[in-house]
Amino acid sequence: MDDLKSVLLRVIKEHLSPANVLSVDVVADNDHDGDPILRVVIVFEVEGDRLDPRQIKSLGRHLREPLEKINEERFPVFSFKTLSEQSSEAA
């Protein structure tokens, strides 16, 4: 799981720049059809608290090859949270 998390973190940080990715959490799960997936929660900071929709849309495509290199076949499903949203959940 460490290799998986480091690959996700590296690619996500590169792809979502100039946003500051503060953390990436990943949990193995199953989708509603029972297929294996990765639930990926990305906590970020960026001016205006809005990520570029084009970056979000293409994130899965940019992760496909790096995930294949570590033999990860599960599809990533993303959730995005601002630092303030993450902090309010922790309170």
PDB file of N, CA and C in Angstrom:
ATOM      1  N   MET A   1       0.825  -1.198   0.000  1.00  0.00           N
ATOM      2  CA  MET A   1       0.000   0.000   0.000  1.00  0.00           C
ATOM      3  C   MET A   1       0.866   1.258   0.000  1.00  0.00           C
ATOM      4  N   ASP A   2       2.099   1.160   0.525  1.00  0.00           N
ATOM      5  CA  ASP A   2       2.984   2.323   0.532  1.00  0.00           C
ATOM      6  C   ASP A   2       3.352   2.756  -0.878  1.00  0.00           C
ATOM      7  N   ASP A   3       3.653   1.776  -1.776  1.00  0.00           N
ATOM      8  CA  ASP A   3       3.957   2.111  -3.164  1.00  0.00           C
ATOM      9  C   ASP A   3       2.768   2.792  -3.817  1.00  0.00           C
ATOM     10  N   LEU A   4       1.591   2.262  -3.572  1.00  0.00           N
ATOM     11  CA  LEU A   4       0.378   2.827  -4.145  1.00  0.00           C
ATOM     12  C   LEU A   4       0.195   4.269  -3.696  1.00  0.00           C
ATOM     13  N   LYS A   5       0.307   4.506  -2.409  1.00  0.00           N
ATOM     14  CA  LYS A   5       0.108   5.854  -1.886  1.00  0.00           C
ATOM     15  C   LYS A   5       1.160   6.823  -2.418  1.00  0.00           C
ATOM     16  N   SER A   6       2.396   6.388  -2.520  1.00  0.00           N
ATOM     17  CA  SER A   6       3.440   7.288  -3.020  1.00  0.00           C
ATOM     18  C   SER A   6       3.227   7.611  -4.500  1.00  0.00           C
ATOM     19  N   VAL A   7       2.782   6.640  -5.299  1.00  0.00           N
ATOM     20  CA  VAL A   7       2.476   6.901  -6.710  1.00  0.00           C
ATOM     21  C   VAL A   7       1.320   7.881  -6.821  1.00  0.00           C
ATOM     22  N   LEU A   8       0.256   7.632  -6.069  1.00  0.00           N
ATOM     23  CA  LEU A   8      -0.890   8.537  -6.095  1.00  0.00           C
ATOM     24  C   LEU A   8      -0.483   9.949  -5.698  1.00  0.00           C
ATOM     25  N   LEU A   9       0.245  10.074  -4.619  1.00  0.00           N
ATOM     26  CA  LEU A   9       0.651  11.388  -4.133  1.00  0.00           C
ATOM     27  C   LEU A   9       1.499  12.130  -5.165  1.00  0.00           C
ATOM     28  N   ARG A  10       2.465  11.446  -5.744  1.00  0.00           N
ATOM     29  CA  ARG A  10       3.349  12.079  -6.725  1.00  0.00           C
ATOM     30  C   ARG A  10       2.577  12.576  -7.944  1.00  0.00           C
ATOM     31  N   VAL A  11       1.767  11.715  -8.535  1.00  0.00           N
ATOM     32  CA  VAL A  11       1.042  12.083  -9.753  1.00  0.00           C
ATOM     33  C   VAL A  11      -0.003  13.147  -9.463  1.00  0.00           C
ATOM     34  N   ILE A  12      -0.717  13.016  -8.361  1.00  0.00           N
ATOM     35  CA  ILE A  12      -1.761  13.986  -8.020  1.00  0.00           C
ATOM     36  C   ILE A  12      -1.150  15.356  -7.767  1.00  0.00           C
ATOM     37  N   LYS A  13      -0.047  15.414  -7.026  1.00  0.00           N
ATOM     38  CA  LYS A  13       0.615  16.705  -6.773  1.00  0.00           C
ATOM     39  C   LYS A  13       1.050  17.355  -8.077  1.00  0.00           C
ATOM     40  N   GLU A  14       1.652  16.576  -8.967  1.00  0.00           N
ATOM     41  CA  GLU A  14       2.100  17.113 -10.252  1.00  0.00           C
ATOM     42  C   GLU A  14       0.919  17.601 -11.078  1.00  0.00           C
ATOM     43  N   HIS A  15      -0.113  16.803 -11.143  1.00  0.00           N
ATOM     44  CA  HIS A  15      -1.231  17.094 -12.033  1.00  0.00           C
ATOM     45  C   HIS A  15      -2.115  18.244 -11.543  1.00  0.00           C
ATOM     46  N   LEU A  16      -2.270  18.384 -10.245  1.00  0.00           N
ATOM     47  CA  LEU A  16      -3.154  19.427  -9.718  1.00  0.00           C
ATOM     48  C   LEU A  16      -2.439  20.742  -9.436  1.00  0.00           C
ATOM     49  N   SER A  17      -1.159  20.827  -9.748  1.00  0.00           N
ATOM     50  CA  SER A  17      -0.422  22.071  -9.565  1.00  0.00           C
ATOM     51  C   SER A  17      -1.118  23.182 -10.359  1.00  0.00           C
ATOM     52  N   PRO A  18      -1.267  24.369  -9.814  1.00  0.00           N
ATOM     53  CA  PRO A  18      -0.578  24.980  -8.695  1.00  0.00           C
ATOM     54  C   PRO A  18      -1.254  24.765  -7.338  1.00  0.00           C
ATOM     55  N   ALA A  19      -2.284  23.941  -7.287  1.00  0.00           N
ATOM     56  CA  ALA A  19      -2.894  23.655  -5.990  1.00  0.00           C
ATOM     57  C   ALA A  19      -1.870  22.961  -5.100  1.00  0.00           C
ATOM     58  N   ASN A  20      -1.961  23.213  -3.817  1.00  0.00           N
ATOM     59  CA  ASN A  20      -1.100  22.572  -2.840  1.00  0.00           C
ATOM     60  C   ASN A  20      -1.849  21.353  -2.295  1.00  0.00           C
ATOM     61  N   VAL A  21      -1.397  20.163  -2.666  1.00  0.00           N
ATOM     62  CA  VAL A  21      -2.020  18.934  -2.184  1.00  0.00           C
ATOM     63  C   VAL A  21      -1.437  18.630  -0.812  1.00  0.00           C
ATOM     64  N   LEU A  22      -2.288  18.672   0.205  1.00  0.00           N
ATOM     65  CA  LEU A  22      -1.844  18.488   1.583  1.00  0.00           C
ATOM     66  C   LEU A  22      -1.812  17.027   1.998  1.00  0.00           C
ATOM     67  N   SER A  23      -2.763  16.251   1.502  1.00  0.00           N
ATOM     68  CA  SER A  23      -2.767  14.826   1.824  1.00  0.00           C
ATOM     69  C   SER A  23      -3.573  14.057   0.794  1.00  0.00           C
ATOM     70  N   VAL A  24      -3.224  12.784   0.699  1.00  0.00           N
ATOM     71  CA  VAL A  24      -3.943  11.842  -0.151  1.00  0.00           C
ATOM     72  C   VAL A  24      -4.159  10.594   0.680  1.00  0.00           C
ATOM     73  N   ASP A  25      -5.401  10.253   0.907  1.00  0.00           N
ATOM     74  CA  ASP A  25      -5.739   9.033   1.642  1.00  0.00           C
ATOM     75  C   ASP A  25      -6.396   8.068   0.672  1.00  0.00           C
ATOM     76  N   VAL A  26      -6.036   6.813   0.773  1.00  0.00           N
ATOM     77  CA  VAL A  26      -6.587   5.797  -0.127  1.00  0.00           C
ATOM     78  C   VAL A  26      -7.068   4.607   0.678  1.00  0.00           C
ATOM     79  N   VAL A  27      -8.245   4.100   0.291  1.00  0.00           N
ATOM     80  CA  VAL A  27      -8.847   2.943   0.946  1.00  0.00           C
ATOM     81  C   VAL A  27      -9.374   2.010  -0.138  1.00  0.00           C
ATOM     82  N   ALA A  28      -9.063   0.736  -0.013  1.00  0.00           N
ATOM     83  CA  ALA A  28      -9.608  -0.264  -0.922  1.00  0.00           C
ATOM     84  C   ALA A  28     -11.078  -0.472  -0.589  1.00  0.00           C
ATOM     85  N   ASP A  29     -11.915  -0.563  -1.630  1.00  0.00           N
ATOM     86  CA  ASP A  29     -13.350  -0.702  -1.426  1.00  0.00           C
ATOM     87  C   ASP A  29     -13.932  -1.408  -2.641  1.00  0.00           C
ATOM     88  N   ASN A  30     -15.236  -1.546  -2.657  1.00  0.00           N
ATOM     89  CA  ASN A  30     -15.968  -2.076  -3.807  1.00  0.00           C
ATOM     90  C   ASN A  30     -17.026  -1.069  -4.218  1.00  0.00           C
ATOM     91  N   ASP A  31     -17.266  -0.967  -5.523  1.00  0.00           N
ATOM     92  CA  ASP A  31     -18.309  -0.062  -5.989  1.00  0.00           C
ATOM     93  C   ASP A  31     -19.670  -0.728  -5.834  1.00  0.00           C
ATOM     94  N   HIS A  32     -20.717  -0.070  -6.295  1.00  0.00           N
ATOM     95  CA  HIS A  32     -22.077  -0.593  -6.105  1.00  0.00           C
ATOM     96  C   HIS A  32     -22.330  -1.890  -6.868  1.00  0.00           C
ATOM     97  N   ASP A  33     -21.492  -2.204  -7.863  1.00  0.00           N
ATOM     98  CA  ASP A  33     -21.595  -3.462  -8.587  1.00  0.00           C
ATOM     99  C   ASP A  33     -20.721  -4.562  -7.990  1.00  0.00           C
ATOM    100  N   GLY A  34     -19.970  -4.211  -6.939  1.00  0.00           N
ATOM    101  CA  GLY A  34     -19.090  -5.178  -6.305  1.00  0.00           C
ATOM    102  C   GLY A  34     -17.689  -5.232  -6.885  1.00  0.00           C
ATOM    103  N   ASP A  35     -17.400  -4.348  -7.846  1.00  0.00           N
ATOM    104  CA  ASP A  35     -16.068  -4.312  -8.445  1.00  0.00           C
ATOM    105  C   ASP A  35     -15.095  -3.603  -7.509  1.00  0.00           C
ATOM    106  N   PRO A  36     -13.845  -4.075  -7.457  1.00  0.00           N
ATOM    107  CA  PRO A  36     -12.859  -3.437  -6.582  1.00  0.00           C
ATOM    108  C   PRO A  36     -12.472  -2.046  -7.087  1.00  0.00           C
ATOM    109  N   ILE A  37     -12.405  -1.083  -6.169  1.00  0.00           N
ATOM    110  CA  ILE A  37     -12.012   0.281  -6.492  1.00  0.00           C
ATOM    111  C   ILE A  37     -11.082   0.802  -5.401  1.00  0.00           C
ATOM    112  N   LEU A  38     -10.521   1.958  -5.658  1.00  0.00           N
ATOM    113  CA  LEU A  38      -9.734   2.687  -4.663  1.00  0.00           C
ATOM    114  C   LEU A  38     -10.464   3.990  -4.374  1.00  0.00           C
ATOM    115  N   ARG A  39     -10.842   4.210  -3.140  1.00  0.00           N
ATOM    116  CA  ARG A  39     -11.431   5.492  -2.748  1.00  0.00           C
ATOM    117  C   ARG A  39     -10.280   6.404  -2.354  1.00  0.00           C
ATOM    118  N   VAL A  40     -10.125   7.479  -3.108  1.00  0.00           N
ATOM    119  CA  VAL A  40      -8.999   8.396  -2.923  1.00  0.00           C
ATOM    120  C   VAL A  40      -9.534   9.754  -2.488  1.00  0.00           C
ATOM    121  N   VAL A  41      -9.154  10.188  -1.285  1.00  0.00           N
ATOM    122  CA  VAL A  41      -9.572  11.492  -0.764  1.00  0.00           C
ATOM    123  C   VAL A  41      -8.366  12.422  -0.831  1.00  0.00           C
ATOM    124  N   ILE A  42      -8.551  13.535  -1.539  1.00  0.00           N
ATOM    125  CA  ILE A  42      -7.479  14.507  -1.746  1.00  0.00           C
ATOM    126  C   ILE A  42      -7.827  15.777  -0.995  1.00  0.00           C
ATOM    127  N   VAL A  43      -6.959  16.180  -0.081  1.00  0.00           N
ATOM    128  CA  VAL A  43      -7.141  17.430   0.657  1.00  0.00           C
ATOM    129  C   VAL A  43      -6.162  18.435   0.059  1.00  0.00           C
ATOM    130  N   PHE A  44      -6.696  19.607  -0.300  1.00  0.00           N
ATOM    131  CA  PHE A  44      -5.882  20.582  -1.016  1.00  0.00           C
ATOM    132  C   PHE A  44      -6.145  22.004  -0.533  1.00  0.00           C
ATOM    133  N   GLU A  45      -5.214  22.877  -0.901  1.00  0.00           N
ATOM    134  CA  GLU A  45      -5.359  24.324  -0.717  1.00  0.00           C
ATOM    135  C   GLU A  45      -5.080  24.966  -2.067  1.00  0.00           C
ATOM    136  N   VAL A  46      -5.901  25.909  -2.431  1.00  0.00           N
ATOM    137  CA  VAL A  46      -5.677  26.675  -3.651  1.00  0.00           C
ATOM    138  C   VAL A  46      -6.460  27.980  -3.513  1.00  0.00           C
ATOM    139  N   GLU A  47      -5.958  29.017  -4.139  1.00  0.00           N
ATOM    140  CA  GLU A  47      -6.640  30.308  -4.079  1.00  0.00           C
ATOM    141  C   GLU A  47      -8.067  30.150  -4.597  1.00  0.00           C
ATOM    142  N   GLY A  48      -9.019  30.625  -3.823  1.00  0.00           N
ATOM    143  CA  GLY A  48     -10.424  30.519  -4.195  1.00  0.00           C
ATOM    144  C   GLY A  48     -11.054  29.174  -3.879  1.00  0.00           C
ATOM    145  N   ASP A  49     -10.291  28.243  -3.317  1.00  0.00           N
ATOM    146  CA  ASP A  49     -10.779  26.908  -2.946  1.00  0.00           C
ATOM    147  C   ASP A  49     -11.421  26.143  -4.095  1.00  0.00           C
ATOM    148  N   ARG A  50     -10.977  26.419  -5.330  1.00  0.00           N
ATOM    149  CA  ARG A  50     -11.532  25.714  -6.494  1.00  0.00           C
ATOM    150  C   ARG A  50     -10.413  25.166  -7.354  1.00  0.00           C
ATOM    151  N   LEU A  51     -10.497  23.875  -7.625  1.00  0.00           N
ATOM    152  CA  LEU A  51      -9.557  23.246  -8.542  1.00  0.00           C
ATOM    153  C   LEU A  51     -10.023  23.469  -9.977  1.00  0.00           C
ATOM    154  N   ASP A  52      -9.102  23.404 -10.897  1.00  0.00           N
ATOM    155  CA  ASP A  52      -9.417  23.523 -12.320  1.00  0.00           C
ATOM    156  C   ASP A  52     -10.182  22.263 -12.746  1.00  0.00           C
ATOM    157  N   PRO A  53     -11.407  22.395 -13.232  1.00  0.00           N
ATOM    158  CA  PRO A  53     -12.192  21.222 -13.619  1.00  0.00           C
ATOM    159  C   PRO A  53     -11.508  20.351 -14.675  1.00  0.00           C
ATOM    160  N   ARG A  54     -10.701  20.951 -15.545  1.00  0.00           N
ATOM    161  CA  ARG A  54      -9.988  20.169 -16.560  1.00  0.00           C
ATOM    162  C   ARG A  54      -8.956  19.255 -15.917  1.00  0.00           C
ATOM    163  N   GLN A  55      -8.328  19.720 -14.838  1.00  0.00           N
ATOM    164  CA  GLN A  55      -7.360  18.879 -14.139  1.00  0.00           C
ATOM    165  C   GLN A  55      -8.057  17.707 -13.456  1.00  0.00           C
ATOM    166  N   ILE A  56      -9.199  17.983 -12.863  1.00  0.00           N
ATOM    167  CA  ILE A  56      -9.947  16.918 -12.187  1.00  0.00           C
ATOM    168  C   ILE A  56     -10.413  15.877 -13.198  1.00  0.00           C
ATOM    169  N   LYS A  57     -10.942  16.349 -14.303  1.00  0.00           N
ATOM    170  CA  LYS A  57     -11.484  15.456 -15.329  1.00  0.00           C
ATOM    171  C   LYS A  57     -10.437  14.491 -15.873  1.00  0.00           C
ATOM    172  N   SER A  58      -9.204  14.943 -16.012  1.00  0.00           N
ATOM    173  CA  SER A  58      -8.170  14.117 -16.636  1.00  0.00           C
ATOM    174  C   SER A  58      -7.285  13.366 -15.622  1.00  0.00           C
ATOM    175  N   LEU A  59      -7.548  13.522 -14.346  1.00  0.00           N
ATOM    176  CA  LEU A  59      -6.690  12.921 -13.325  1.00  0.00           C
ATOM    177  C   LEU A  59      -6.620  11.400 -13.438  1.00  0.00           C
ATOM    178  N   GLY A  60      -7.746  10.741 -13.611  1.00  0.00           N
ATOM    179  CA  GLY A  60      -7.762   9.278 -13.735  1.00  0.00           C
ATOM    180  C   GLY A  60      -6.934   8.790 -14.912  1.00  0.00           C
ATOM    181  N   ARG A  61      -7.012   9.511 -16.019  1.00  0.00           N
ATOM    182  CA  ARG A  61      -6.244   9.148 -17.212  1.00  0.00           C
ATOM    183  C   ARG A  61      -4.744   9.271 -16.952  1.00  0.00           C
ATOM    184  N   HIS A  62      -4.344  10.305 -16.223  1.00  0.00           N
ATOM    185  CA  HIS A  62      -2.935  10.500 -15.920  1.00  0.00           C
ATOM    186  C   HIS A  62      -2.402   9.465 -14.927  1.00  0.00           C
ATOM    187  N   LEU A  63      -3.281   8.871 -14.158  1.00  0.00           N
ATOM    188  CA  LEU A  63      -2.856   7.851 -13.192  1.00  0.00           C
ATOM    189  C   LEU A  63      -2.809   6.445 -13.783  1.00  0.00           C
ATOM    190  N   ARG A  64      -3.444   6.241 -14.913  1.00  0.00           N
ATOM    191  CA  ARG A  64      -3.565   4.890 -15.471  1.00  0.00           C
ATOM    192  C   ARG A  64      -2.204   4.208 -15.639  1.00  0.00           C
ATOM    193  N   GLU A  65      -1.277   4.832 -16.329  1.00  0.00           N
ATOM    194  CA  GLU A  65       0.022   4.206 -16.577  1.00  0.00           C
ATOM    195  C   GLU A  65       0.848   4.023 -15.299  1.00  0.00           C
ATOM    196  N   PRO A  66       0.966   5.040 -14.429  1.00  0.00           N
ATOM    197  CA  PRO A  66       1.723   4.819 -13.185  1.00  0.00           C
ATOM    198  C   PRO A  66       1.136   3.700 -12.323  1.00  0.00           C
ATOM    199  N   LEU A  67      -0.190   3.567 -12.301  1.00  0.00           N
ATOM    200  CA  LEU A  67      -0.800   2.492 -11.523  1.00  0.00           C
ATOM    201  C   LEU A  67      -0.531   1.134 -12.165  1.00  0.00           C
ATOM    202  N   GLU A  68      -0.560   1.079 -13.486  1.00  0.00           N
ATOM    203  CA  GLU A  68      -0.254  -0.179 -14.174  1.00  0.00           C
ATOM    204  C   GLU A  68       1.169  -0.635 -13.881  1.00  0.00           C
ATOM    205  N   LYS A  69       2.100   0.311 -13.766  1.00  0.00           N
ATOM    206  CA  LYS A  69       3.500  -0.035 -13.505  1.00  0.00           C
ATOM    207  C   LYS A  69       3.693  -0.729 -12.162  1.00  0.00           C
ATOM    208  N   ILE A  70       2.787  -0.482 -11.209  1.00  0.00           N
ATOM    209  CA  ILE A  70       2.876  -1.167  -9.908  1.00  0.00           C
ATOM    210  C   ILE A  70       1.823  -2.273  -9.799  1.00  0.00           C
ATOM    211  N   ASN A  71       1.284  -2.673 -10.960  1.00  0.00           N
ATOM    212  CA  ASN A  71       0.304  -3.764 -11.046  1.00  0.00           C
ATOM    213  C   ASN A  71      -0.970  -3.487 -10.266  1.00  0.00           C
ATOM    214  N   GLU A  72      -1.382  -2.231 -10.238  1.00  0.00           N
ATOM    215  CA  GLU A  72      -2.629  -1.859  -9.560  1.00  0.00           C
ATOM    216  C   GLU A  72      -3.733  -1.765 -10.609  1.00  0.00           C
ATOM    217  N   GLU A  73      -4.738  -2.622 -10.482  1.00  0.00           N
ATOM    218  CA  GLU A  73      -5.812  -2.689 -11.465  1.00  0.00           C
ATOM    219  C   GLU A  73      -7.109  -2.029 -10.991  1.00  0.00           C
ATOM    220  N   ARG A  74      -7.204  -1.727  -9.701  1.00  0.00           N
ATOM    221  CA  ARG A  74      -8.435  -1.116  -9.192  1.00  0.00           C
ATOM    222  C   ARG A  74      -8.573   0.309  -9.708  1.00  0.00           C
ATOM    223  N   PHE A  75      -9.807   0.699 -10.004  1.00  0.00           N
ATOM    224  CA  PHE A  75     -10.098   2.029 -10.537  1.00  0.00           C
ATOM    225  C   PHE A  75     -10.171   3.031  -9.395  1.00  0.00           C
ATOM    226  N   PRO A  76      -9.482   4.177  -9.530  1.00  0.00           N
ATOM    227  CA  PRO A  76      -9.558   5.189  -8.469  1.00  0.00           C
ATOM    228  C   PRO A  76     -10.822   6.047  -8.590  1.00  0.00           C
ATOM    229  N   VAL A  77     -11.483   6.247  -7.460  1.00  0.00           N
ATOM    230  CA  VAL A  77     -12.651   7.124  -7.366  1.00  0.00           C
ATOM    231  C   VAL A  77     -12.263   8.248  -6.418  1.00  0.00           C
ATOM    232  N   PHE A  78     -12.342   9.489  -6.900  1.00  0.00           N
ATOM    233  CA  PHE A  78     -11.792  10.621  -6.172  1.00  0.00           C
ATOM    234  C   PHE A  78     -12.838  11.424  -5.416  1.00  0.00           C
ATOM    235  N   SER A  79     -12.420  11.937  -4.254  1.00  0.00           N
ATOM    236  CA  SER A  79     -13.156  12.953  -3.498  1.00  0.00           C
ATOM    237  C   SER A  79     -12.160  14.062  -3.213  1.00  0.00           C
ATOM    238  N   PHE A  80     -12.617  15.293  -3.294  1.00  0.00           N
ATOM    239  CA  PHE A  80     -11.757  16.448  -3.082  1.00  0.00           C
ATOM    240  C   PHE A  80     -12.292  17.275  -1.935  1.00  0.00           C
ATOM    241  N   LYS A  81     -11.395  17.667  -1.036  1.00  0.00           N
ATOM    242  CA  LYS A  81     -11.786  18.480   0.111  1.00  0.00           C
ATOM    243  C   LYS A  81     -10.791  19.616   0.282  1.00  0.00           C
ATOM    244  N   THR A  82     -11.310  20.777   0.615  1.00  0.00           N
ATOM    245  CA  THR A  82     -10.422  21.872   0.974  1.00  0.00           C
ATOM    246  C   THR A  82      -9.933  21.633   2.397  1.00  0.00           C
ATOM    247  N   LEU A  83      -8.908  22.353   2.785  1.00  0.00           N
ATOM    248  CA  LEU A  83      -8.390  22.223   4.142  1.00  0.00           C
ATOM    249  C   LEU A  83      -9.463  22.562   5.164  1.00  0.00           C
ATOM    250  N   SER A  84     -10.260  23.596   4.895  1.00  0.00           N
ATOM    251  CA  SER A  84     -11.312  23.986   5.847  1.00  0.00           C
ATOM    252  C   SER A  84     -12.395  22.905   5.947  1.00  0.00           C
ATOM    253  N   GLU A  85     -12.716  22.242   4.853  1.00  0.00           N
ATOM    254  CA  GLU A  85     -13.698  21.151   4.910  1.00  0.00           C
ATOM    255  C   GLU A  85     -13.154  19.980   5.717  1.00  0.00           C
ATOM    256  N   GLN A  86     -11.889  19.664   5.511  1.00  0.00           N
ATOM    257  CA  GLN A  86     -11.251  18.588   6.264  1.00  0.00           C
ATOM    258  C   GLN A  86     -11.196  18.920   7.749  1.00  0.00           C
ATOM    259  N   SER A  87     -10.842  20.167   8.066  1.00  0.00           N
ATOM    260  CA  SER A  87     -10.741  20.600   9.461  1.00  0.00           C
ATOM    261  C   SER A  87     -12.087  20.562  10.159  1.00  0.00           C
ATOM    262  N   SER A  88     -13.154  20.945   9.460  1.00  0.00           N
ATOM    263  CA  SER A  88     -14.477  20.948  10.093  1.00  0.00           C
ATOM    264  C   SER A  88     -14.973  19.527  10.348  1.00  0.00           C
ATOM    265  N   GLU A  89     -14.566  18.571   9.537  1.00  0.00           N
ATOM    266  CA  GLU A  89     -14.917  17.174   9.779  1.00  0.00           C
ATOM    267  C   GLU A  89     -14.205  16.626  11.008  1.00  0.00           C
ATOM    268  N   ALA A  90     -12.988  17.072  11.218  1.00  0.00           N
ATOM    269  CA  ALA A  90     -12.199  16.575  12.337  1.00  0.00           C
ATOM    270  C   ALA A  90     -12.672  17.142  13.673  1.00  0.00           C
ATOM    271  N   ALA A  91     -13.369  18.262  13.612  1.00  0.00           N
ATOM    272  CA  ALA A  91     -13.810  18.920  14.855  1.00  0.00           C
ATOM    273  C   ALA A  91     -14.967  18.213  15.511  1.00  0.00           C
TER     274      ALA A  91
END
